[in-house]
Amino acid sequence: AGTQRARASAQTSLHIPYGDGDGEKLDVYFPTDPSGTFPVLVYIHGGYWQCLSKDESGFAAPPLVSQGVAVVAVGYDIAPKGHMDAMVLQVRRSLAFLVERYSGIRGIYLCGHSAGAHLAAMVLSTDWTEYGVAPDIKGAVLVSGVYDLEPILHTYVNDALNMSREVAQRNSPMLCITPAVPTAAACEVLVAVAQHDSPEFRRQSQEYSQALRAAGWSVSLLDIAGVDHFDIIEKLSEESYVLTQV
């Protein structure tokens, strides 16, 4: 419902292809007053890499577009069609596309929830020379994320993903933290976790934020009281919610 409301009220461009694949599309919610340049929040949805889509990802747009921020919801091929390597590449390519397509972007802020926070974290370790662009990523809000895929190998989550140990390792943000180069040092990372997240989510959030900090990144860990794994992100539709404000 939040997405429908956002699509009805905001100036939007929906289903823009950033690649040739069926799933390689994104939705752009433009700011109410797009005065030339604007910051962009790129939202990457969760769903354990196998459900949900960009079409449920517009709920965060209304409070932000009213403040002059564009919101982009990224689609990617979920499992079983999509494989972990491919999803990571798709999200990276979607950012390269955005930078090339919209000259008015003044800074990119990544936001991902759960599996989407994993994909956003993988974006932070991208070698952009391969893409011929250098996205100006000013911040990342990683919400209730998964940063080490190894524990997932032996769970039902991997039934659709079918990851080998090698795939899990090379796609674990914990294991591919790059030292913060000067540009990355200017990127503020906010790792958010819910009070009622499971112990594993809470542990991974703490360990990943510590590892980033040790590598020279600018990181803060936000432990949000009174929310669980789902409403921690759903409440982004509310202007007064702490994460929306941040």
C-alpha atoms as a PDB file:
ATOM      1  CA  ALA A   1       0.000   0.000   0.000  1.00  0.00           C
ATOM      2  CA  GLY A   2       2.875   2.354   0.794  1.00  0.00           C
ATOM      3  CA  THR A   3       4.320   1.788  -2.670  1.00  0.00           C
ATOM      4  CA  GLN A   4       0.966   2.426  -4.354  1.00  0.00           C
ATOM      5  CA  ARG A   5       0.607   5.659  -2.422  1.00  0.00           C
ATOM      6  CA  ALA A   6       4.126   6.721  -3.339  1.00  0.00           C
ATOM      7  CA  ARG A   7       3.589   5.935  -7.002  1.00  0.00           C
ATOM      8  CA  ALA A   8       0.353   7.883  -7.043  1.00  0.00           C
ATOM      9  CA  SER A   9       1.698  10.996  -5.351  1.00  0.00           C
ATOM     10  CA  ALA A  10       5.276  11.385  -6.496  1.00  0.00           C
ATOM     11  CA  GLN A  11       6.755  12.034  -9.900  1.00  0.00           C
ATOM     12  CA  THR A  12       7.989   8.587 -10.829  1.00  0.00           C
ATOM     13  CA  SER A  13       9.732   6.693 -13.597  1.00  0.00           C
ATOM     14  CA  LEU A  14       8.936   3.005 -13.185  1.00  0.00           C
ATOM     15  CA  HIS A  15      10.547  -0.162 -14.565  1.00  0.00           C
ATOM     16  CA  ILE A  16      13.606   1.572 -16.063  1.00  0.00           C
ATOM     17  CA  PRO A  17      15.912  -1.101 -17.462  1.00  0.00           C
ATOM     18  CA  TYR A  18      19.509  -0.887 -16.240  1.00  0.00           C
ATOM     19  CA  GLY A  19      20.435  -4.088 -18.114  1.00  0.00           C
ATOM     20  CA  ASP A  20      18.984  -6.603 -20.533  1.00  0.00           C
ATOM     21  CA  GLY A  21      17.658  -9.124 -18.010  1.00  0.00           C
ATOM     22  CA  ASP A  22      13.971  -9.263 -17.051  1.00  0.00           C
ATOM     23  CA  GLY A  23      14.758  -8.516 -13.434  1.00  0.00           C
ATOM     24  CA  GLU A  24      17.192  -5.684 -14.196  1.00  0.00           C
ATOM     25  CA  LYS A  25      14.863  -2.758 -13.662  1.00  0.00           C
ATOM     26  CA  LEU A  26      14.537   0.062 -11.192  1.00  0.00           C
ATOM     27  CA  ASP A  27      11.916   2.567 -10.052  1.00  0.00           C
ATOM     28  CA  VAL A  28      12.785   6.217  -9.502  1.00  0.00           C
ATOM     29  CA  TYR A  29      10.734   8.439  -7.188  1.00  0.00           C
ATOM     30  CA  PHE A  30      11.793  12.007  -7.908  1.00  0.00           C
ATOM     31  CA  PRO A  31      11.804  14.763  -5.295  1.00  0.00           C
ATOM     32  CA  THR A  32       8.748  16.985  -5.160  1.00  0.00           C
ATOM     33  CA  ASP A  33      10.956  19.912  -6.105  1.00  0.00           C
ATOM     34  CA  PRO A  34      13.822  18.554  -8.234  1.00  0.00           C
ATOM     35  CA  SER A  35      15.907  21.744  -8.375  1.00  0.00           C
ATOM     36  CA  GLY A  36      18.648  20.603 -10.696  1.00  0.00           C
ATOM     37  CA  THR A  37      20.680  18.398  -8.375  1.00  0.00           C
ATOM     38  CA  PHE A  38      19.446  16.110  -5.618  1.00  0.00           C
ATOM     39  CA  PRO A  39      20.762  13.374  -3.313  1.00  0.00           C
ATOM     40  CA  VAL A  40      19.566   9.843  -4.050  1.00  0.00           C
ATOM     41  CA  LEU A  41      18.662   7.087  -1.630  1.00  0.00           C
ATOM     42  CA  VAL A  42      19.066   3.723  -3.376  1.00  0.00           C
ATOM     43  CA  TYR A  43      16.904   1.108  -1.653  1.00  0.00           C
ATOM     44  CA  ILE A  44      17.740  -2.588  -1.993  1.00  0.00           C
ATOM     45  CA  HIS A  45      14.986  -4.892  -0.776  1.00  0.00           C
ATOM     46  CA  GLY A  46      15.360  -7.940   1.440  1.00  0.00           C
ATOM     47  CA  GLY A  47      13.535 -11.283   1.367  1.00  0.00           C
ATOM     48  CA  TYR A  48      16.414 -13.732   1.874  1.00  0.00           C
ATOM     49  CA  TRP A  49      17.476 -13.250  -1.779  1.00  0.00           C
ATOM     50  CA  GLN A  50      14.384 -15.213  -2.867  1.00  0.00           C
ATOM     51  CA  CYS A  51      11.245 -13.162  -2.356  1.00  0.00           C
ATOM     52  CA  LEU A  52       9.917  -9.585  -2.506  1.00  0.00           C
ATOM     53  CA  SER A  53      10.797  -7.158  -5.308  1.00  0.00           C
ATOM     54  CA  LYS A  54      11.300  -3.479  -6.074  1.00  0.00           C
ATOM     55  CA  ASP A  55       7.511  -3.253  -6.439  1.00  0.00           C
ATOM     56  CA  GLU A  56       7.130  -3.406  -2.638  1.00  0.00           C
ATOM     57  CA  SER A  57       9.998  -0.999  -2.088  1.00  0.00           C
ATOM     58  CA  GLY A  58       8.389   2.427  -2.484  1.00  0.00           C
ATOM     59  CA  PHE A  59       7.180   2.769   1.103  1.00  0.00           C
ATOM     60  CA  ALA A  60      10.238   4.814   2.123  1.00  0.00           C
ATOM     61  CA  ALA A  61       9.769   7.345  -0.676  1.00  0.00           C
ATOM     62  CA  PRO A  62       7.087   9.794   0.582  1.00  0.00           C
ATOM     63  CA  PRO A  63       8.920  11.262   3.627  1.00  0.00           C
ATOM     64  CA  LEU A  64      12.142  11.540   1.617  1.00  0.00           C
ATOM     65  CA  VAL A  65      10.886  12.955  -1.689  1.00  0.00           C
ATOM     66  CA  SER A  66       9.153  15.683   0.299  1.00  0.00           C
ATOM     67  CA  GLN A  67      12.605  16.654   1.632  1.00  0.00           C
ATOM     68  CA  GLY A  68      14.173  16.888  -1.826  1.00  0.00           C
ATOM     69  CA  VAL A  69      15.646  13.383  -1.927  1.00  0.00           C
ATOM     70  CA  ALA A  70      15.130  11.031  -4.869  1.00  0.00           C
ATOM     71  CA  VAL A  71      14.464   7.392  -3.957  1.00  0.00           C
ATOM     72  CA  VAL A  72      15.463   4.553  -6.279  1.00  0.00           C
ATOM     73  CA  ALA A  73      14.163   1.021  -5.702  1.00  0.00           C
ATOM     74  CA  VAL A  74      16.423  -1.563  -7.334  1.00  0.00           C
ATOM     75  CA  GLY A  75      15.180  -4.848  -8.746  1.00  0.00           C
ATOM     76  CA  TYR A  76      17.437  -7.886  -9.104  1.00  0.00           C
ATOM     77  CA  ASP A  77      16.929 -11.521 -10.084  1.00  0.00           C
ATOM     78  CA  ILE A  78      15.999 -13.387  -6.926  1.00  0.00           C
ATOM     79  CA  ALA A  79      16.658 -17.103  -6.449  1.00  0.00           C
ATOM     80  CA  PRO A  80      16.204 -19.667  -7.816  1.00  0.00           C
ATOM     81  CA  LYS A  81      16.606 -17.718 -11.074  1.00  0.00           C
ATOM     82  CA  GLY A  82      19.259 -15.455  -9.628  1.00  0.00           C
ATOM     83  CA  HIS A  83      22.549 -16.697  -8.203  1.00  0.00           C
ATOM     84  CA  MET A  84      24.442 -14.858  -5.478  1.00  0.00           C
ATOM     85  CA  ASP A  85      27.309 -13.739  -7.755  1.00  0.00           C
ATOM     86  CA  ALA A  86      24.812 -12.428 -10.302  1.00  0.00           C
ATOM     87  CA  MET A  87      22.730 -10.499  -7.748  1.00  0.00           C
ATOM     88  CA  VAL A  88      25.816  -8.727  -6.422  1.00  0.00           C
ATOM     89  CA  LEU A  89      26.835  -7.779  -9.975  1.00  0.00           C
ATOM     90  CA  GLN A  90      23.328  -6.573 -10.818  1.00  0.00           C
ATOM     91  CA  VAL A  91      23.171  -4.213  -7.847  1.00  0.00           C
ATOM     92  CA  ARG A  92      26.624  -2.832  -8.682  1.00  0.00           C
ATOM     93  CA  ARG A  93      25.619  -2.338 -12.319  1.00  0.00           C
ATOM     94  CA  SER A  94      22.402  -0.587 -11.310  1.00  0.00           C
ATOM     95  CA  LEU A  95      24.478   2.054  -9.508  1.00  0.00           C
ATOM     96  CA  ALA A  96      26.821   2.514 -12.462  1.00  0.00           C
ATOM     97  CA  PHE A  97      23.730   2.967 -14.641  1.00  0.00           C
ATOM     98  CA  LEU A  98      22.213   5.575 -12.313  1.00  0.00           C
ATOM     99  CA  VAL A  99      25.368   7.662 -12.306  1.00  0.00           C
ATOM    100  CA  GLU A 100      25.569   7.600 -16.101  1.00  0.00           C
ATOM    101  CA  ARG A 101      21.869   8.235 -16.646  1.00  0.00           C
ATOM    102  CA  TYR A 102      21.169  11.064 -14.167  1.00  0.00           C
ATOM    103  CA  SER A 103      23.655  13.918 -14.142  1.00  0.00           C
ATOM    104  CA  GLY A 104      21.695  15.661 -11.378  1.00  0.00           C
ATOM    105  CA  ILE A 105      22.670  13.162  -8.681  1.00  0.00           C
ATOM    106  CA  ARG A 106      24.414  14.861  -5.766  1.00  0.00           C
ATOM    107  CA  GLY A 107      25.629  11.978  -3.672  1.00  0.00           C
ATOM    108  CA  ILE A 108      24.302   8.440  -3.362  1.00  0.00           C
ATOM    109  CA  TYR A 109      23.088   6.924  -0.107  1.00  0.00           C
ATOM    110  CA  LEU A 110      22.633   3.163  -0.058  1.00  0.00           C
ATOM    111  CA  CYS A 111      19.932   1.585   2.057  1.00  0.00           C
ATOM    112  CA  GLY A 112      19.324  -2.129   2.280  1.00  0.00           C
ATOM    113  CA  HIS A 113      17.278  -4.349   4.567  1.00  0.00           C
ATOM    114  CA  SER A 114      18.265  -7.902   5.551  1.00  0.00           C
ATOM    115  CA  ALA A 115      19.446  -9.579   2.305  1.00  0.00           C
ATOM    116  CA  GLY A 116      19.362  -6.090   0.783  1.00  0.00           C
ATOM    117  CA  ALA A 117      21.766  -4.859   3.468  1.00  0.00           C
ATOM    118  CA  HIS A 118      24.076  -7.704   2.451  1.00  0.00           C
ATOM    119  CA  LEU A 119      23.939  -6.548  -1.189  1.00  0.00           C
ATOM    120  CA  ALA A 120      24.477  -2.910  -0.177  1.00  0.00           C
ATOM    121  CA  ALA A 121      27.493  -3.957   1.892  1.00  0.00           C
ATOM    122  CA  MET A 122      28.887  -5.820  -1.140  1.00  0.00           C
ATOM    123  CA  VAL A 123      28.553  -2.583  -3.118  1.00  0.00           C
ATOM    124  CA  LEU A 124      30.923  -0.943  -0.607  1.00  0.00           C
ATOM    125  CA  SER A 125      33.679  -3.386  -1.651  1.00  0.00           C
ATOM    126  CA  THR A 126      33.270  -2.748  -5.393  1.00  0.00           C
ATOM    127  CA  ASP A 127      36.283  -2.028  -7.561  1.00  0.00           C
ATOM    128  CA  TRP A 128      34.646   0.663  -9.678  1.00  0.00           C
ATOM    129  CA  THR A 129      37.508   0.832 -12.192  1.00  0.00           C
ATOM    130  CA  GLU A 130      35.905  -2.203 -13.847  1.00  0.00           C
ATOM    131  CA  TYR A 131      32.735  -0.180 -14.392  1.00  0.00           C
ATOM    132  CA  GLY A 132      34.328   2.986 -15.731  1.00  0.00           C
ATOM    133  CA  VAL A 133      32.425   5.143 -13.224  1.00  0.00           C
ATOM    134  CA  ALA A 134      33.013   6.316  -9.682  1.00  0.00           C
ATOM    135  CA  PRO A 135      29.685   6.671  -7.864  1.00  0.00           C
ATOM    136  CA  ASP A 136      29.864   9.270  -5.109  1.00  0.00           C
ATOM    137  CA  ILE A 137      28.596   7.052  -2.298  1.00  0.00           C
ATOM    138  CA  LYS A 138      28.266   9.376   0.682  1.00  0.00           C
ATOM    139  CA  GLY A 139      26.521   6.998   3.035  1.00  0.00           C
ATOM    140  CA  ALA A 140      25.133   3.518   3.585  1.00  0.00           C
ATOM    141  CA  VAL A 141      22.322   2.537   5.935  1.00  0.00           C
ATOM    142  CA  LEU A 142      22.553  -1.209   6.481  1.00  0.00           C
ATOM    143  CA  VAL A 143      19.449  -2.439   8.289  1.00  0.00           C
ATOM    144  CA  SER A 144      19.258  -5.842  10.016  1.00  0.00           C
ATOM    145  CA  GLY A 145      21.733  -7.269   7.546  1.00  0.00           C
ATOM    146  CA  VAL A 146      23.579 -10.510   6.863  1.00  0.00           C
ATOM    147  CA  TYR A 147      27.328  -9.968   6.509  1.00  0.00           C
ATOM    148  CA  ASP A 148      28.631 -13.534   6.739  1.00  0.00           C
ATOM    149  CA  LEU A 149      26.897 -16.061   4.467  1.00  0.00           C
ATOM    150  CA  GLU A 150      28.614 -19.137   5.870  1.00  0.00           C
ATOM    151  CA  PRO A 151      26.019 -19.825   8.627  1.00  0.00           C
ATOM    152  CA  ILE A 152      23.308 -19.822   5.950  1.00  0.00           C
ATOM    153  CA  LEU A 153      24.859 -22.706   3.991  1.00  0.00           C
ATOM    154  CA  HIS A 154      23.288 -25.311   6.252  1.00  0.00           C
ATOM    155  CA  THR A 155      19.840 -23.755   6.524  1.00  0.00           C
ATOM    156  CA  TYR A 156      16.668 -23.862   4.414  1.00  0.00           C
ATOM    157  CA  VAL A 157      17.593 -20.426   3.078  1.00  0.00           C
ATOM    158  CA  ASN A 158      20.277 -22.053   0.938  1.00  0.00           C
ATOM    159  CA  ASP A 159      17.814 -24.501  -0.667  1.00  0.00           C
ATOM    160  CA  ALA A 160      16.895 -21.943  -3.333  1.00  0.00           C
ATOM    161  CA  LEU A 161      20.295 -20.207  -3.393  1.00  0.00           C
ATOM    162  CA  ASN A 162      22.307 -23.394  -3.762  1.00  0.00           C
ATOM    163  CA  MET A 163      25.515 -21.677  -2.669  1.00  0.00           C
ATOM    164  CA  SER A 164      28.785 -23.548  -2.365  1.00  0.00           C
ATOM    165  CA  ARG A 165      31.197 -22.586   0.390  1.00  0.00           C
ATOM    166  CA  GLU A 166      33.335 -20.705  -2.190  1.00  0.00           C
ATOM    167  CA  VAL A 167      30.345 -18.657  -3.368  1.00  0.00           C
ATOM    168  CA  ALA A 168      29.378 -17.881   0.230  1.00  0.00           C
ATOM    169  CA  GLN A 169      32.891 -16.779   1.093  1.00  0.00           C
ATOM    170  CA  ARG A 170      33.494 -14.505  -1.888  1.00  0.00           C
ATOM    171  CA  ASN A 171      30.109 -12.860  -1.319  1.00  0.00           C
ATOM    172  CA  SER A 172      30.463 -12.315   2.438  1.00  0.00           C
ATOM    173  CA  PRO A 173      30.968  -8.601   3.199  1.00  0.00           C
ATOM    174  CA  MET A 174      32.823  -9.623   6.387  1.00  0.00           C
ATOM    175  CA  LEU A 175      35.482 -11.287   4.236  1.00  0.00           C
ATOM    176  CA  CYS A 176      35.902  -8.607   1.568  1.00  0.00           C
ATOM    177  CA  ILE A 177      36.238  -5.373   3.502  1.00  0.00           C
ATOM    178  CA  THR A 178      38.520  -3.044   1.587  1.00  0.00           C
ATOM    179  CA  PRO A 179      40.674  -0.587   3.533  1.00  0.00           C
ATOM    180  CA  ALA A 180      38.935   2.780   3.455  1.00  0.00           C
ATOM    181  CA  VAL A 181      40.558   4.782   0.674  1.00  0.00           C
ATOM    182  CA  PRO A 182      40.146   8.566   1.052  1.00  0.00           C
ATOM    183  CA  THR A 183      36.861   8.530  -0.910  1.00  0.00           C
ATOM    184  CA  ALA A 184      35.486   5.713   1.231  1.00  0.00           C
ATOM    185  CA  ALA A 185      36.528   7.529   4.394  1.00  0.00           C
ATOM    186  CA  ALA A 186      34.052  10.223   3.385  1.00  0.00           C
ATOM    187  CA  CYS A 187      31.301   7.589   3.246  1.00  0.00           C
ATOM    188  CA  GLU A 188      29.400   7.272   6.510  1.00  0.00           C
ATOM    189  CA  VAL A 189      28.143   3.779   7.238  1.00  0.00           C
ATOM    190  CA  LEU A 190      25.254   3.279   9.629  1.00  0.00           C
ATOM    191  CA  VAL A 191      24.697  -0.322  10.722  1.00  0.00           C
ATOM    192  CA  ALA A 192      21.226  -0.571  12.235  1.00  0.00           C
ATOM    193  CA  VAL A 193      19.905  -3.567  14.133  1.00  0.00           C
ATOM    194  CA  ALA A 194      16.586  -4.211  15.866  1.00  0.00           C
ATOM    195  CA  GLN A 195      16.243  -4.898  19.580  1.00  0.00           C
ATOM    196  CA  HIS A 196      14.151  -7.955  18.678  1.00  0.00           C
ATOM    197  CA  ASP A 197      16.342  -9.179  15.814  1.00  0.00           C
ATOM    198  CA  SER A 198      17.622 -12.727  16.347  1.00  0.00           C
ATOM    199  CA  PRO A 199      20.953 -13.120  18.187  1.00  0.00           C
ATOM    200  CA  GLU A 200      22.670 -14.050  14.900  1.00  0.00           C
ATOM    201  CA  PHE A 201      21.571 -10.825  13.167  1.00  0.00           C
ATOM    202  CA  ARG A 202      22.664  -8.813  16.190  1.00  0.00           C
ATOM    203  CA  ARG A 203      26.041 -10.587  16.361  1.00  0.00           C
ATOM    204  CA  GLN A 204      26.741 -10.104  12.657  1.00  0.00           C
ATOM    205  CA  SER A 205      25.831  -6.415  12.789  1.00  0.00           C
ATOM    206  CA  GLN A 206      28.203  -5.835  15.696  1.00  0.00           C
ATOM    207  CA  GLU A 207      31.062  -7.810  14.146  1.00  0.00           C
ATOM    208  CA  TYR A 208      30.714  -6.208  10.715  1.00  0.00           C
ATOM    209  CA  SER A 209      30.589  -2.668  12.092  1.00  0.00           C
ATOM    210  CA  GLN A 210      33.701  -3.380  14.198  1.00  0.00           C
ATOM    211  CA  ALA A 211      35.545  -4.841  11.191  1.00  0.00           C
ATOM    212  CA  LEU A 212      34.668  -1.828   9.015  1.00  0.00           C
ATOM    213  CA  ARG A 213      35.834   0.547  11.729  1.00  0.00           C
ATOM    214  CA  ALA A 214      39.105  -1.376  12.078  1.00  0.00           C
ATOM    215  CA  ALA A 215      39.660  -0.909   8.318  1.00  0.00           C
ATOM    216  CA  GLY A 216      39.310   2.854   8.667  1.00  0.00           C
ATOM    217  CA  TRP A 217      35.672   3.312   7.661  1.00  0.00           C
ATOM    218  CA  SER A 218      33.437   5.839   9.371  1.00  0.00           C
ATOM    219  CA  VAL A 219      30.851   3.637  11.079  1.00  0.00           C
ATOM    220  CA  SER A 220      28.160   3.905  13.700  1.00  0.00           C
ATOM    221  CA  LEU A 221      26.030   1.097  15.092  1.00  0.00           C
ATOM    222  CA  LEU A 222      22.431   1.978  15.873  1.00  0.00           C
ATOM    223  CA  ASP A 223      20.519  -0.449  18.075  1.00  0.00           C
ATOM    224  CA  ILE A 224      16.848   0.458  17.722  1.00  0.00           C
ATOM    225  CA  ALA A 225      14.591  -0.314  20.686  1.00  0.00           C
ATOM    226  CA  GLY A 226      11.069  -1.664  20.401  1.00  0.00           C
ATOM    227  CA  VAL A 227      11.295  -2.972  16.825  1.00  0.00           C
ATOM    228  CA  ASP A 228      11.782  -6.381  15.221  1.00  0.00           C
ATOM    229  CA  HIS A 229      13.361  -7.598  11.972  1.00  0.00           C
ATOM    230  CA  PHE A 230      10.452  -6.326   9.896  1.00  0.00           C
ATOM    231  CA  ASP A 231       9.063  -3.138  11.376  1.00  0.00           C
ATOM    232  CA  ILE A 232      12.597  -1.738  11.733  1.00  0.00           C
ATOM    233  CA  ILE A 233      12.390  -1.084   7.972  1.00  0.00           C
ATOM    234  CA  GLU A 234       8.616  -0.730   7.476  1.00  0.00           C
ATOM    235  CA  LYS A 235       8.578   2.306   9.763  1.00  0.00           C
ATOM    236  CA  LEU A 236      10.646   4.223   7.180  1.00  0.00           C
ATOM    237  CA  SER A 237       7.250   5.247   5.806  1.00  0.00           C
ATOM    238  CA  GLU A 238       6.885   7.448   8.932  1.00  0.00           C
ATOM    239  CA  GLU A 239       8.508  10.850   8.944  1.00  0.00           C
ATOM    240  CA  SER A 240       9.073  10.871  12.711  1.00  0.00           C
ATOM    241  CA  TYR A 241      10.772   7.450  12.869  1.00  0.00           C
ATOM    242  CA  VAL A 242      14.384   7.595  14.098  1.00  0.00           C
ATOM    243  CA  LEU A 243      15.832   5.922  10.969  1.00  0.00           C
ATOM    244  CA  THR A 244      13.905   8.196   8.611  1.00  0.00           C
ATOM    245  CA  GLN A 245      15.259  11.179  10.507  1.00  0.00           C
ATOM    246  CA  VAL A 246      18.848   9.896  10.416  1.00  0.00           C
END
